[in-house]
Amino acid sequence: MKQSGFDALIKQAVARDKIVYAGFGAAAVIAFSNLKGLEIVDDPQDIPAGYDPEIVSEGLGFVPYALAVHFDSDHPESELVNNEIAFYEASGVPYRTLRDGEVLIVRGDKEKIISRDREP
């Protein structure tokens, strides 16, 4: 996002209420302002060819808490998410968990989580 300039463009568009930001997995966790702790689940050194090797720890700042995705889910990273949560708790980082199949909807100061397993 940073290398392409998409981070700046999406922040501007969301601020002007011109677009909805949505994502799954990595696209969700970057909604917080800080990406520290994610290295517990995803190796920051795993960089595809052609990408800048600089590690960026700034997120988009759309939500005031970290999102721990794949929590308590049938996902290969799910067990590691508990370690990520422990890091947040030890560091005083506010966080929310999302299971696979859950959606966090934020509009202004209102938010709700909808699950495919439960009626809204």
Protein backbone atom coordinates (compact mmCIF):
# COMPACT_ATOMS: atom_id res chain seq x y z
CA MET A 1 0.00 0.00 0.00
CA LYS A 2 2.78 2.41 0.89
CA GLN A 3 4.98 1.60 -2.08
CA SER A 4 2.14 2.23 -4.54
CA GLY A 5 0.76 5.28 -2.72
CA PHE A 6 -2.55 3.52 -2.14
CA ASP A 7 -2.33 4.20 1.61
CA ALA A 8 -2.50 7.97 1.09
CA LEU A 9 -5.20 7.72 -1.57
CA ILE A 10 -7.48 5.46 0.47
CA LYS A 11 -7.10 7.61 3.59
CA GLN A 12 -8.12 10.69 1.59
CA ALA A 13 -11.09 8.95 -0.02
CA VAL A 14 -12.36 7.55 3.28
CA ALA A 15 -11.92 10.93 5.00
CA ARG A 16 -14.07 12.53 2.27
CA ASP A 17 -16.63 9.71 2.64
CA LYS A 18 -16.14 8.82 -1.04
CA ILE A 19 -15.43 5.12 -0.59
CA VAL A 20 -15.96 2.23 1.78
CA TYR A 21 -12.82 0.49 2.97
CA ALA A 22 -13.24 -3.27 3.30
CA GLY A 23 -10.82 -6.13 3.59
CA PHE A 24 -10.08 -9.61 4.85
CA GLY A 25 -7.03 -10.70 6.82
CA ALA A 26 -4.12 -8.33 6.15
CA ALA A 27 -6.43 -5.71 4.66
CA ALA A 28 -8.37 -5.67 7.94
CA VAL A 29 -5.41 -5.53 10.34
CA ILE A 30 -3.90 -2.54 8.55
CA ALA A 31 -6.98 -0.52 9.56
CA PHE A 32 -5.27 0.18 12.92
CA SER A 33 -2.55 2.84 13.14
CA ASN A 34 0.23 0.49 14.24
CA LEU A 35 1.19 -2.93 12.91
CA LYS A 36 3.45 -3.96 15.81
CA GLY A 37 2.53 -7.40 17.07
CA LEU A 38 1.56 -8.74 13.66
CA GLU A 39 5.03 -10.20 13.24
CA ILE A 40 3.93 -12.86 15.74
CA VAL A 41 1.55 -14.22 13.10
CA ASP A 42 3.08 -13.05 9.80
CA ASP A 43 6.81 -12.90 9.07
CA PRO A 44 7.63 -9.32 8.02
CA GLN A 45 10.74 -10.62 6.21
CA ASP A 46 8.55 -12.63 3.81
CA ILE A 47 8.68 -10.04 1.02
CA PRO A 48 7.68 -10.93 -2.55
CA ALA A 49 10.16 -10.12 -5.31
CA GLY A 50 9.87 -6.58 -6.60
CA TYR A 51 8.67 -5.05 -3.31
CA ASP A 52 10.63 -2.55 -1.24
CA PRO A 53 12.23 -4.47 1.66
CA GLU A 54 11.63 -1.59 4.12
CA ILE A 55 9.30 -2.77 6.88
CA VAL A 56 6.45 -0.32 7.42
CA SER A 57 4.82 -0.41 10.85
CA GLU A 58 2.25 2.33 10.29
CA GLY A 59 -1.30 1.34 9.44
CA LEU A 60 -4.15 3.39 8.04
CA GLY A 61 -5.58 4.59 11.38
CA PHE A 62 -9.22 3.90 10.54
CA VAL A 63 -9.97 2.24 13.90
CA PRO A 64 -8.57 3.02 17.38
CA TYR A 65 -7.63 -0.59 18.13
CA ALA A 66 -5.74 -3.50 16.63
CA LEU A 67 -7.72 -6.22 14.89
CA ALA A 68 -6.74 -9.79 15.69
CA VAL A 69 -8.17 -11.68 12.73
CA HIS A 70 -8.64 -15.44 12.29
CA PHE A 71 -9.30 -15.62 16.05
CA ASP A 72 -10.67 -18.97 17.23
CA SER A 73 -11.16 -20.05 13.60
CA ASP A 74 -10.35 -22.95 11.34
CA HIS A 75 -7.37 -21.12 9.88
CA PRO A 76 -3.67 -22.09 9.90
CA GLU A 77 -2.74 -18.86 11.74
CA SER A 78 -5.46 -19.15 14.38
CA GLU A 79 -3.22 -20.62 17.10
CA LEU A 80 -0.66 -17.83 16.67
CA VAL A 81 -3.37 -15.19 17.08
CA ASN A 82 -3.55 -16.05 20.80
CA ASN A 83 0.13 -15.03 21.07
CA GLU A 84 -0.65 -11.81 19.19
CA ILE A 85 -3.44 -11.07 21.68
CA ALA A 86 -1.07 -11.75 24.59
CA PHE A 87 1.33 -9.19 23.08
CA TYR A 88 -1.45 -6.60 22.85
CA GLU A 89 -2.52 -7.21 26.43
CA ALA A 90 1.07 -7.06 27.75
CA SER A 91 1.72 -3.87 25.75
CA GLY A 92 -1.56 -2.15 26.64
CA VAL A 93 -2.66 -2.06 23.01
CA PRO A 94 -6.44 -1.94 22.61
CA TYR A 95 -7.72 -4.70 20.34
CA ARG A 96 -10.78 -6.50 19.02
CA THR A 97 -10.94 -10.07 17.79
CA LEU A 98 -12.60 -11.21 14.60
CA ARG A 99 -13.36 -14.82 13.79
CA ASP A 100 -13.46 -15.94 10.18
CA GLY A 101 -16.97 -15.19 8.97
CA GLU A 102 -17.34 -12.06 11.11
CA VAL A 103 -17.50 -8.54 9.72
CA LEU A 104 -16.73 -5.35 11.60
CA ILE A 105 -18.76 -2.41 10.34
CA VAL A 106 -17.69 1.07 11.43
CA ARG A 107 -19.59 4.21 10.48
CA GLY A 108 -18.57 7.33 12.34
CA ASP A 109 -18.59 6.52 16.06
CA LYS A 110 -20.87 3.49 15.64
CA GLU A 111 -19.66 -0.04 15.12
CA LYS A 112 -21.02 -3.54 15.13
CA ILE A 113 -19.84 -7.04 14.36
CA ILE A 114 -22.00 -9.23 12.17
CA SER A 115 -21.41 -12.96 11.89
CA ARG A 116 -22.46 -15.31 9.14
CA ASP A 117 -23.34 -17.74 11.95
CA ARG A 118 -25.74 -15.33 13.71
CA GLU A 119 -28.50 -13.09 12.51
CA PRO A 120 -27.64 -9.35 12.73
